[in-house]
Protein backbone atom coordinates (compact mmCIF):
# COMPACT_ATOMS: atom_id res chain seq x y z
CA UNK A 1 115.57 85.97 132.85
CA UNK A 2 115.30 84.27 129.45
CA UNK A 3 117.85 82.12 127.65
CA UNK A 4 118.29 82.86 123.95
CA UNK A 5 119.47 80.14 121.59
CA UNK A 6 120.06 80.76 117.89
CA UNK A 7 119.60 77.65 115.78
CA UNK A 8 119.59 77.59 111.98
CA UNK A 9 116.79 75.57 110.41
CA UNK A 10 117.60 71.85 110.55
CA UNK A 11 120.27 72.30 113.23
CA UNK A 12 118.86 69.51 115.37
CA UNK A 13 116.21 66.82 115.25
CA UNK A 14 114.31 68.50 118.05
CA UNK A 15 114.29 71.84 116.26
CA UNK A 16 113.04 70.19 113.08
CA UNK A 17 110.21 68.52 114.99
CA UNK A 18 109.23 71.85 116.56
CA UNK A 19 109.30 73.55 113.18
CA UNK A 20 107.12 70.82 111.69
CA UNK A 21 104.51 71.42 114.39
CA UNK A 22 104.72 75.19 113.83
CA UNK A 23 104.10 74.75 110.12
CA UNK A 24 100.94 72.78 110.85
CA UNK A 25 99.72 75.32 113.40
CA UNK A 26 100.28 78.15 110.89
CA UNK A 27 97.60 76.60 108.70
CA UNK A 28 95.10 77.70 111.34
CA UNK A 29 95.09 81.26 110.06
CA UNK A 30 92.51 80.57 107.37
CA UNK A 31 92.35 81.09 103.61
CA UNK A 32 92.42 84.08 101.32
CA UNK A 33 91.72 82.08 98.22
CA UNK A 34 93.54 83.02 95.02
CA UNK A 35 92.83 80.30 92.47
CA UNK A 36 94.50 80.55 89.06
CA UNK A 37 92.71 80.24 85.74
CA UNK A 38 95.13 77.61 84.49
CA UNK A 39 93.82 74.82 82.28
CA UNK A 40 91.52 72.58 84.29
CA UNK A 41 90.80 75.18 86.98
CA UNK A 42 87.29 76.43 87.58
CA UNK A 43 86.99 80.03 86.24
CA UNK A 44 87.13 82.60 89.02
CA UNK A 45 83.88 84.27 88.02
CA UNK A 46 81.88 81.07 88.43
CA UNK A 47 83.79 79.43 91.25
CA UNK A 48 82.51 79.13 94.83
CA UNK A 49 86.13 79.78 95.78
CA UNK A 50 85.76 83.24 94.32
CA UNK A 51 82.87 83.99 96.70
CA UNK A 52 84.85 82.64 99.63
CA UNK A 53 87.86 84.70 98.56
CA UNK A 54 85.83 87.91 98.43
CA UNK A 55 84.12 87.25 101.75
CA UNK A 56 87.45 86.55 103.45
CA UNK A 57 89.55 89.35 101.95
CA UNK A 58 86.88 91.94 102.76
CA UNK A 59 87.42 91.23 106.47
CA UNK A 60 90.19 93.64 107.50
CA UNK A 61 90.06 92.15 110.99
CA UNK A 62 88.32 89.16 112.50
CA UNK A 63 87.93 87.04 115.58
CA UNK A 64 86.63 83.48 115.92
CA UNK A 65 86.68 80.54 118.27
CA UNK A 66 87.77 77.23 116.81
CA UNK A 67 87.89 73.51 117.41
CA UNK A 68 90.87 71.66 116.00
CA UNK A 69 92.00 68.05 115.57
CA UNK A 70 95.57 67.27 114.51
CA UNK A 71 96.84 63.82 113.58
CA UNK A 72 100.63 63.57 113.48
CA UNK A 73 102.44 60.85 111.56
CA UNK A 74 103.86 58.29 113.99
CA UNK A 75 101.40 59.13 116.79
CA UNK A 76 98.31 57.02 117.44
CA UNK A 77 96.28 59.55 119.38
CA UNK A 78 95.06 62.75 117.70
CA UNK A 79 95.61 66.09 119.42
CA UNK A 80 92.29 67.84 120.09
CA UNK A 81 92.19 71.48 121.09
CA UNK A 82 90.07 74.61 121.22
CA UNK A 83 90.98 78.26 121.18
CA UNK A 84 90.59 81.74 119.78
CA UNK A 85 91.87 83.20 116.53
CA UNK A 86 92.38 86.92 115.85
CA UNK A 87 93.59 88.42 112.56
CA UNK A 88 94.47 91.97 111.55
CA UNK A 89 95.48 92.22 107.91
CA UNK A 90 97.91 92.10 106.34
CA UNK A 91 100.39 90.51 108.74
CA UNK A 92 99.14 90.24 112.32
CA UNK A 93 97.49 87.27 113.98
CA UNK A 94 97.15 85.47 117.30
CA UNK A 95 96.21 81.87 118.00
CA UNK A 96 95.53 81.28 121.69
CA UNK A 97 94.74 77.71 122.78
CA UNK A 98 92.48 76.99 125.72
CA UNK A 99 93.75 74.93 128.71
CA UNK A 100 95.14 72.38 129.07
CA UNK A 101 97.06 73.14 125.84
CA UNK A 102 97.82 76.79 126.68
CA UNK A 103 100.06 77.24 123.65
CA UNK A 104 100.05 80.67 122.04
CA UNK A 105 101.23 81.87 118.66
CA UNK A 106 101.52 85.53 117.77
CA UNK A 107 102.62 87.27 114.58
CA UNK A 108 103.63 90.87 115.29
CA UNK A 109 104.17 91.83 111.64
CA UNK A 110 107.87 90.94 111.66
CA UNK A 111 108.18 87.70 113.63
CA UNK A 112 106.05 84.70 114.55
CA UNK A 113 106.38 83.79 118.24
CA UNK A 114 105.22 80.34 119.34
CA UNK A 115 105.04 79.76 123.08
CA UNK A 116 105.10 76.09 124.11
CA UNK A 117 104.61 76.04 127.92
CA UNK A 118 105.25 72.32 128.40
CA UNK A 119 108.68 72.69 126.81
CA UNK A 120 109.37 76.04 128.48
CA UNK A 121 110.26 77.45 125.08
CA UNK A 122 109.41 80.30 122.78
CA UNK A 123 110.17 79.62 119.13
CA UNK A 124 110.89 82.75 117.10
CA UNK A 125 110.70 82.77 113.28
CA UNK A 126 111.19 85.81 111.05
CA UNK A 127 108.65 86.58 108.35
CA UNK A 128 109.88 86.70 104.78
CA UNK A 129 109.16 89.80 102.64
CA UNK A 130 106.26 87.86 101.08
CA UNK A 131 104.77 87.14 104.48
CA UNK A 132 104.96 90.76 105.62
CA UNK A 133 102.68 91.60 102.69
CA UNK A 134 100.37 88.73 103.66
CA UNK A 135 100.89 86.36 106.58
CA UNK A 136 98.06 84.17 105.31
CA UNK A 137 99.85 80.96 104.36
CA UNK A 138 96.86 79.30 102.73
CA UNK A 139 96.82 82.16 100.29
CA UNK A 140 100.24 80.93 99.20
CA UNK A 141 99.09 77.31 99.15
CA UNK A 142 96.25 78.18 96.80
CA UNK A 143 98.27 80.15 94.29
CA UNK A 144 97.88 78.05 91.14
CA UNK A 145 95.41 75.74 92.90
CA UNK A 146 92.60 73.91 91.12
CA UNK A 147 89.05 73.43 92.32
CA UNK A 148 88.37 69.69 92.06
CA UNK A 149 84.89 69.36 93.54
CA UNK A 150 82.04 71.24 95.19
CA UNK A 151 79.32 69.37 97.09
CA UNK A 152 76.81 70.17 99.81
CA UNK A 153 78.09 69.06 103.21
CA UNK A 154 76.71 70.22 106.61
CA UNK A 155 79.67 68.76 108.57
CA UNK A 156 80.91 72.26 109.50
CA UNK A 157 77.51 73.94 109.67
CA UNK A 158 74.06 74.19 108.11
CA UNK A 159 74.12 75.19 104.46
CA UNK A 160 77.76 74.19 104.15
CA UNK A 161 79.58 73.33 100.94
CA UNK A 162 82.74 71.22 100.84
CA UNK A 163 85.33 72.28 98.28
CA UNK A 164 88.00 69.82 97.24
CA UNK A 165 91.14 71.67 96.16
CA UNK A 166 94.37 70.60 94.49
CA UNK A 167 96.88 72.84 96.31
CA UNK A 168 99.40 75.01 94.54
CA UNK A 169 103.14 74.65 95.13
CA UNK A 170 103.71 77.43 97.67
CA UNK A 171 103.32 75.16 100.72
CA UNK A 172 104.09 71.43 101.13
CA UNK A 173 100.51 70.12 101.08
CA UNK A 174 99.21 66.82 99.77
CA UNK A 175 95.57 67.83 99.89
CA UNK A 176 93.22 70.55 101.02
CA UNK A 177 89.49 70.62 101.72
CA UNK A 178 87.67 73.86 102.55
CA UNK A 179 84.12 74.29 103.89
CA UNK A 180 82.10 77.45 103.29
CA UNK A 181 78.54 78.60 103.92
CA UNK A 182 76.87 78.54 100.53
CA UNK A 183 74.54 81.49 101.07
CA UNK A 184 77.28 84.07 101.75
CA UNK A 185 80.67 82.40 101.20
CA UNK A 186 81.71 82.52 104.88
CA UNK A 187 84.62 80.24 105.78
CA UNK A 188 83.48 77.38 108.06
CA UNK A 189 86.60 75.24 108.29
CA UNK A 190 89.26 73.29 106.48
CA UNK A 191 91.26 70.07 106.48
CA UNK A 192 94.87 70.16 105.31
CA UNK A 193 97.30 67.24 104.93
CA UNK A 194 100.97 68.05 104.47
CA UNK A 195 103.55 66.09 102.50
CA UNK A 196 104.60 64.21 105.63
CA UNK A 197 101.07 62.93 106.20
CA UNK A 198 100.25 65.20 109.16
CA UNK A 199 96.60 66.27 109.05
CA UNK A 200 94.94 69.32 110.60
CA UNK A 201 91.16 69.72 110.65
CA UNK A 202 89.75 73.00 111.95
CA UNK A 203 86.15 74.01 112.58
CA UNK A 204 85.81 77.80 112.72
CA UNK A 205 83.03 79.06 115.01
CA UNK A 206 81.25 82.43 115.32
CA UNK A 207 83.46 84.26 112.83
CA UNK A 208 82.93 88.02 113.07
CA UNK A 209 84.75 91.35 112.63
CA UNK A 210 87.14 92.33 115.41
CA UNK A 211 86.55 96.06 115.62
CA UNK A 212 89.25 98.17 117.22
CA UNK A 213 92.19 95.81 116.70
CA UNK A 214 95.53 97.57 116.18
CA UNK A 215 99.10 96.33 115.56
CA UNK A 216 100.15 96.98 119.16
CA UNK A 217 97.58 94.39 120.28
CA UNK A 218 99.87 91.73 118.78
CA UNK A 219 103.03 92.65 120.65
CA UNK A 220 104.59 89.60 122.32
CA UNK A 221 106.93 89.46 125.32
CA UNK A 222 108.45 86.04 126.10
CA UNK A 223 107.59 84.84 129.63
CA UNK A 224 110.48 85.02 132.09
CA UNK A 225 112.66 81.94 132.40
CA UNK A 226 111.89 80.38 129.02
CA UNK A 227 114.37 79.36 126.34
CA UNK A 228 114.07 81.37 123.10
CA UNK A 229 114.78 79.24 120.03
CA UNK A 230 115.57 81.49 117.07
CA UNK A 231 114.72 79.65 113.85
CA UNK A 232 116.19 82.38 111.66
CA UNK A 233 114.59 83.59 108.46
CA UNK A 234 111.10 82.45 107.50
CA UNK A 235 109.92 81.06 104.21
């Protein structure tokens, strides 16, 4: 039997801390890059971000393994983890972490469910209307973004290019770096730092189409005996 608790955003310090971690984890879902042509921005037709954008948006579904390092403000030791990412556009995804983490986050098209085994909790957050059209939060972050730099960098893979980006205002980010494979624009990884100084660095491995995925594959049932923390409306 599960216990259901409804808590408005900011209702408690613990809930705020959980929500902060969820926001960082959401950045895992990758980047559909929509860079504006505002003054100072690199024109879309000549930007490497444009190639990355096209490569990413053309993938109706995908699966990839990943390696991730998160550094939280106030904690000395970084959190290292591995796992699997699945996406079905426009608004379904799953992030499943390997043991010993074992956390799982699923978006079923209406809600994001985050299962935190060590806390015996499932955190439930409703998607906004914007998110139901696209649950890709880095798409929002890069609305109105500016390409600052583009240099060769094999840190995420051979033939890699590192793109420095000034984020837009849709998400609370201080900075964003994206790596892509120069030859075809494939996303290789990213590093995002939020306005609280928390940093997430993800290396995306063996990215490929996930043929046969359907919305029902992202249904989530809370495990028995866990507390359900309802965070209310999303963004």
